[in-house]
C-alpha atoms as a PDB file:
ATOM      1  CA  MET A   1      33.800 -52.599 -70.965  1.00  0.00           C
ATOM      2  CA  LEU A   2      34.435 -50.644 -67.805  1.00  0.00           C
ATOM      3  CA  THR A   3      33.958 -47.084 -66.738  1.00  0.00           C
ATOM      4  CA  THR A   4      34.136 -45.244 -63.875  1.00  0.00           C
ATOM      5  CA  GLY A   5      33.854 -42.404 -61.797  1.00  0.00           C
ATOM      6  CA  ARG A   6      34.232 -40.623 -59.144  1.00  0.00           C
ATOM      7  CA  ALA A   7      33.612 -37.231 -56.990  1.00  0.00           C
ATOM      8  CA  GLY A   8      34.159 -35.621 -53.194  1.00  0.00           C
ATOM      9  CA  ASN A   9      32.985 -33.115 -51.373  1.00  0.00           C
ATOM     10  CA  PRO A  10      36.131 -32.773 -48.756  1.00  0.00           C
ATOM     11  CA  ARG A  11      33.943 -29.499 -47.506  1.00  0.00           C
ATOM     12  CA  LEU A  12      32.133 -32.622 -45.543  1.00  0.00           C
ATOM     13  CA  GLU A  13      34.907 -33.684 -44.161  1.00  0.00           C
ATOM     14  CA  ASN A  14      33.870 -30.741 -41.572  1.00  0.00           C
ATOM     15  CA  ALA A  15      30.595 -33.026 -39.934  1.00  0.00           C
ATOM     16  CA  PHE A  16      32.546 -36.445 -40.020  1.00  0.00           C
ATOM     17  CA  PRO A  17      33.186 -37.710 -37.830  1.00  0.00           C
ATOM     18  CA  ARG A  18      30.619 -35.357 -34.946  1.00  0.00           C
ATOM     19  CA  PHE A  19      27.179 -36.943 -36.782  1.00  0.00           C
ATOM     20  CA  HIS A  20      26.971 -38.392 -39.573  1.00  0.00           C
ATOM     21  CA  PRO A  21      25.026 -40.955 -41.899  1.00  0.00           C
ATOM     22  CA  PHE A  22      27.210 -43.951 -40.652  1.00  0.00           C
ATOM     23  CA  ARG A  23      25.558 -43.889 -37.612  1.00  0.00           C
ATOM     24  CA  PRO A  24      22.292 -44.774 -36.806  1.00  0.00           C
ATOM     25  CA  LEU A  25      19.454 -40.853 -36.157  1.00  0.00           C
ATOM     26  CA  PRO A  26      20.054 -41.126 -31.974  1.00  0.00           C
ATOM     27  CA  PRO A  27      15.657 -41.496 -31.295  1.00  0.00           C
ATOM     28  CA  ALA A  28      13.747 -39.034 -31.010  1.00  0.00           C
ATOM     29  CA  LEU A  29      15.110 -35.793 -32.653  1.00  0.00           C
ATOM     30  CA  ASP A  30      12.540 -35.253 -34.703  1.00  0.00           C
ATOM     31  CA  ASN A  31      13.350 -31.725 -35.075  1.00  0.00           C
ATOM     32  CA  SER A  32      16.417 -30.731 -33.190  1.00  0.00           C
ATOM     33  CA  ALA A  33      19.906 -29.728 -35.164  1.00  0.00           C
ATOM     34  CA  ALA A  34      21.709 -33.358 -35.655  1.00  0.00           C
ATOM     35  CA  LEU A  35      18.678 -34.297 -37.068  1.00  0.00           C
ATOM     36  CA  LEU A  36      18.946 -31.107 -39.890  1.00  0.00           C
ATOM     37  CA  GLU A  37      22.619 -31.844 -39.956  1.00  0.00           C
ATOM     38  CA  PHE A  38      21.764 -35.895 -41.235  1.00  0.00           C
ATOM     39  CA  ARG A  39      19.590 -34.591 -43.946  1.00  0.00           C
ATOM     40  CA  THR A  40      22.311 -32.212 -45.492  1.00  0.00           C
ATOM     41  CA  THR A  41      24.924 -33.529 -44.757  1.00  0.00           C
ATOM     42  CA  ALA A  42      22.554 -36.972 -46.056  1.00  0.00           C
ATOM     43  CA  GLN A  43      21.476 -34.969 -49.053  1.00  0.00           C
ATOM     44  CA  GLU A  44      25.449 -34.460 -49.892  1.00  0.00           C
ATOM     45  CA  ILE A  45      26.099 -37.301 -50.293  1.00  0.00           C
ATOM     46  CA  ARG A  46      24.000 -37.984 -52.767  1.00  0.00           C
ATOM     47  CA  ALA A  47      24.538 -35.464 -54.709  1.00  0.00           C
ATOM     48  CA  THR A  48      28.853 -36.677 -54.938  1.00  0.00           C
ATOM     49  CA  VAL A  49      26.964 -39.867 -55.178  1.00  0.00           C
ATOM     50  CA  GLY A  50      24.930 -38.921 -58.213  1.00  0.00           C
ATOM     51  CA  THR A  51      28.915 -37.267 -59.720  1.00  0.00           C
ATOM     52  CA  ALA A  52      30.062 -39.923 -59.800  1.00  0.00           C
ATOM     53  CA  VAL A  53      27.602 -42.524 -61.549  1.00  0.00           C
ATOM     54  CA  GLN A  54      26.884 -40.040 -63.586  1.00  0.00           C
ATOM     55  CA  GLN A  55      30.149 -39.549 -65.484  1.00  0.00           C
ATOM     56  CA  ALA A  56      30.367 -43.763 -65.727  1.00  0.00           C
ATOM     57  CA  LEU A  57      27.123 -44.083 -67.089  1.00  0.00           C
ATOM     58  CA  SER A  58      28.389 -41.496 -69.313  1.00  0.00           C
ATOM     59  CA  ASP A  59      31.583 -42.918 -69.953  1.00  0.00           C
ATOM     60  CA  ALA A  60      29.134 -46.034 -70.673  1.00  0.00           C
ATOM     61  CA  ASP A  61      26.970 -43.826 -72.876  1.00  0.00           C
ATOM     62  CA  LEU A  62      24.751 -45.619 -71.406  1.00  0.00           C
ATOM     63  CA  HIS A  63      22.155 -42.381 -70.025  1.00  0.00           C
ATOM     64  CA  ASP A  64      18.967 -44.492 -69.731  1.00  0.00           C
ATOM     65  CA  ALA A  65      20.387 -47.741 -67.107  1.00  0.00           C
ATOM     66  CA  ASP A  66      18.608 -49.607 -68.644  1.00  0.00           C
ATOM     67  CA  ARG A  67      20.925 -52.145 -69.471  1.00  0.00           C
ATOM     68  CA  ILE A  68      21.464 -51.783 -65.804  1.00  0.00           C
ATOM     69  CA  GLN A  69      20.846 -55.694 -64.408  1.00  0.00           C
ATOM     70  CA  VAL A  70      22.594 -55.180 -61.029  1.00  0.00           C
ATOM     71  CA  VAL A  71      23.317 -52.085 -58.878  1.00  0.00           C
ATOM     72  CA  CYS A  72      25.945 -53.025 -55.588  1.00  0.00           C
ATOM     73  CA  THR A  73      26.630 -50.698 -53.212  1.00  0.00           C
ATOM     74  CA  ALA A  74      29.503 -49.685 -51.068  1.00  0.00           C
ATOM     75  CA  ARG A  75      28.275 -52.439 -48.296  1.00  0.00           C
ATOM     76  CA  LEU A  76      26.439 -49.828 -45.187  1.00  0.00           C
ATOM     77  CA  ARG A  77      23.127 -50.443 -43.074  1.00  0.00           C
ATOM     78  CA  PRO A  78      20.038 -50.698 -45.368  1.00  0.00           C
ATOM     79  CA  GLU A  79      18.764 -47.254 -44.195  1.00  0.00           C
ATOM     80  CA  THR A  80      22.057 -45.931 -44.368  1.00  0.00           C
ATOM     81  CA  VAL A  81      21.782 -47.055 -48.405  1.00  0.00           C
ATOM     82  CA  ARG A  82      17.773 -45.246 -48.465  1.00  0.00           C
ATOM     83  CA  TYR A  83      19.072 -41.495 -47.850  1.00  0.00           C
ATOM     84  CA  THR A  84      22.610 -41.954 -49.195  1.00  0.00           C
ATOM     85  CA  VAL A  85      22.761 -43.601 -52.222  1.00  0.00           C
ATOM     86  CA  LEU A  86      19.123 -45.360 -54.028  1.00  0.00           C
ATOM     87  CA  PRO A  87      18.451 -41.182 -54.808  1.00  0.00           C
ATOM     88  CA  ALA A  88      21.558 -40.461 -56.970  1.00  0.00           C
ATOM     89  CA  LEU A  89      20.365 -43.656 -58.644  1.00  0.00           C
ATOM     90  CA  PRO A  90      18.493 -42.528 -61.511  1.00  0.00           C
ATOM     91  CA  GLU A  91      15.461 -44.117 -61.705  1.00  0.00           C
ATOM     92  CA  ALA A  92      15.653 -47.716 -63.916  1.00  0.00           C
ATOM     93  CA  ALA A  93      18.237 -48.669 -61.548  1.00  0.00           C
ATOM     94  CA  ARG A  94      16.796 -48.274 -58.097  1.00  0.00           C
ATOM     95  CA  ASP A  95      14.908 -51.508 -58.974  1.00  0.00           C
ATOM     96  CA  HIS A  96      18.608 -54.144 -59.803  1.00  0.00           C
ATOM     97  CA  LEU A  97      19.572 -52.932 -55.940  1.00  0.00           C
ATOM     98  CA  VAL A  98      20.964 -55.967 -54.806  1.00  0.00           C
ATOM     99  CA  ALA A  99      21.901 -56.030 -50.975  1.00  0.00           C
ATOM    100  CA  PHE A 100      26.027 -57.767 -50.548  1.00  0.00           C
ATOM    101  CA  GLY A 101      27.503 -57.644 -47.463  1.00  0.00           C
ATOM    102  CA  ASP A 102      25.287 -59.262 -44.576  1.00  0.00           C
ATOM    103  CA  THR A 103      28.023 -61.807 -44.128  1.00  0.00           C
ATOM    104  CA  THR A 104      30.815 -58.922 -44.088  1.00  0.00           C
ATOM    105  CA  GLY A 105      29.298 -55.526 -43.344  1.00  0.00           C
ATOM    106  CA  HIS A 106      30.988 -52.791 -44.616  1.00  0.00           C
ATOM    107  CA  LEU A 107      34.678 -53.210 -45.821  1.00  0.00           C
ATOM    108  CA  GLY A 108      35.130 -49.773 -46.594  1.00  0.00           C
ATOM    109  CA  ALA A 109      37.266 -49.336 -49.982  1.00  0.00           C
ATOM    110  CA  GLY A 110      36.906 -53.296 -49.914  1.00  0.00           C
ATOM    111  CA  ASP A 111      34.206 -52.857 -50.632  1.00  0.00           C
ATOM    112  CA  THR A 112      32.956 -52.297 -54.258  1.00  0.00           C
ATOM    113  CA  ILE A 113      35.812 -55.552 -54.759  1.00  0.00           C
ATOM    114  CA  ALA A 114      34.185 -57.290 -53.165  1.00  0.00           C
ATOM    115  CA  ASN A 115      31.252 -57.374 -54.555  1.00  0.00           C
ATOM    116  CA  LEU A 116      32.247 -57.600 -57.515  1.00  0.00           C
ATOM    117  CA  ASP A 117      33.393 -60.788 -56.671  1.00  0.00           C
ATOM    118  CA  ASP A 118      29.693 -61.326 -55.840  1.00  0.00           C
ATOM    119  CA  LEU A 119      28.409 -60.803 -58.531  1.00  0.00           C
ATOM    120  CA  LEU A 120      31.336 -62.902 -60.325  1.00  0.00           C
ATOM    121  CA  ARG A 121      31.049 -65.523 -58.694  1.00  0.00           C
ATOM    122  CA  LEU A 122      26.500 -65.797 -58.432  1.00  0.00           C
ATOM    123  CA  ASP A 123      27.401 -64.984 -62.617  1.00  0.00           C
ATOM    124  CA  MET A 124      24.619 -63.112 -62.078  1.00  0.00           C
ATOM    125  CA  LEU A 125      24.730 -60.447 -64.948  1.00  0.00           C
ATOM    126  CA  THR A 126      23.637 -61.576 -68.406  1.00  0.00           C
ATOM    127  CA  THR A 127      26.639 -61.920 -71.564  1.00  0.00           C
ATOM    128  CA  GLY A 128      25.611 -57.864 -72.336  1.00  0.00           C
ATOM    129  CA  GLY A 129      24.467 -56.157 -68.937  1.00  0.00           C
ATOM    130  CA  CYS A 130      25.713 -54.450 -67.228  1.00  0.00           C
ATOM    131  CA  ALA A 131      26.777 -53.610 -62.981  1.00  0.00           C
ATOM    132  CA  LEU A 132      26.836 -50.499 -61.457  1.00  0.00           C
ATOM    133  CA  LEU A 133      29.001 -51.378 -58.836  1.00  0.00           C
ATOM    134  CA  VAL A 134      29.094 -47.809 -56.641  1.00  0.00           C
ATOM    135  CA  GLY A 135      31.212 -46.745 -53.263  1.00  0.00           C
ATOM    136  CA  LEU A 136      31.622 -44.296 -50.188  1.00  0.00           C
ATOM    137  CA  GLY A 137      34.268 -43.466 -48.557  1.00  0.00           C
ATOM    138  CA  ALA A 138      34.443 -42.046 -44.768  1.00  0.00           C
ATOM    139  CA  GLY A 139      35.884 -38.364 -46.109  1.00  0.00           C
ATOM    140  CA  PHE A 140      33.205 -38.622 -48.431  1.00  0.00           C
ATOM    141  CA  THR A 141      33.838 -39.257 -51.452  1.00  0.00           C
ATOM    142  CA  ALA A 142      31.797 -41.975 -53.941  1.00  0.00           C
ATOM    143  CA  THR A 143      33.312 -43.882 -57.077  1.00  0.00           C
ATOM    144  CA  ALA A 144      31.353 -45.577 -59.541  1.00  0.00           C
ATOM    145  CA  LEU A 145      32.290 -48.241 -61.614  1.00  0.00           C
ATOM    146  CA  VAL A 146      30.830 -49.923 -65.496  1.00  0.00           C
ATOM    147  CA  VAL A 147      31.449 -53.673 -66.056  1.00  0.00           C
ATOM    148  CA  GLU A 148      29.557 -55.079 -68.558  1.00  0.00           C
ATOM    149  CA  ARG A 149      29.743 -58.736 -69.090  1.00  0.00           C
ATOM    150  CA  CYS A 150      31.429 -59.989 -72.642  1.00  0.00           C
END
């Protein structure tokens, strides 16, 4: 089985690259406009990721995500994934997050393919088990892919 979901939010392109979640927060920005902008952008990205994930899970008939054994996200900094992707995942899938990319870093459009390669190479799925692969684009796009091991 293979299903996909995709979403984009072109309104967010105006927020890129002045200040965006792919950069670390500057120190001591507690209540600044930049922090507010970061939070707003992160919320919008979460919504975009959530749309893509829900499409893919719905098409796979995995509404409760109970068969998801592994979740792979864009190969971004852990803080970025924690703010933008993790909250957009169904609760049942959050504990299955695997962070690939320690040796590669972010590969842009290649993240999903590299994650799929690692998933297969490391033999991480049991028969009938599913993986959710989430990709992010700097134009504030998100893709989600559900694969099942036969």
